[in-house]
């Protein structure tokens, strides 16, 4: 969806014009689906489809009272909701591996071998999520930038346009955010 469409669709949705929310979601669906795919690629081994992730995120966002003055904040929020869902799925999977929902069953050994290896990416993903949450407390603007760049996959130029700032400003903020995240993740070890 183009940036110039966002304000009019958003105003109609906020004014509860009949069918406006559906048009807004339809206009964003492809972009949100691509966001879900990127999120899942970064969370290697996640056992959920992009469509399921998108629909779960939509349900979560629809229940909230958040207001989005621009597309960048909406995409950042959508990214955080999806990241949170992926983290929840990873935690749930780790809990199941450690005996939650324990029951004795008979399983084919080939199937058991496929699922026996734990995903090495999960602890790193959990640490990254915790570091991003800590960054959001310290500097919400930088945390949103990380969501837009890393999780949404926007380029520096796209983020600059979304935020109405120069590309160099976004570059400086990106370097600062990366440094702070590195420090936060190092402190967690």
Foldseek 3Di string as FASTA:
>chain_A
DDQVVVVVLLVCVVVVPPCSVVVVCVVCVVLQLVLLVLQDVLVPPQPDHSVVLSVVLVVVVVPDPDRDPGPLVVQLSSLLSSLVVSLVSLVVVVVVVVQVVDDDDDDDVVVCVVPVDDDPCNVVSVLLNVLLVVVCVVPVVLSSLCSCCRRSVDDLVRVCVRVVHDSVVSVVSPVVSVVSSVVSSVVVD
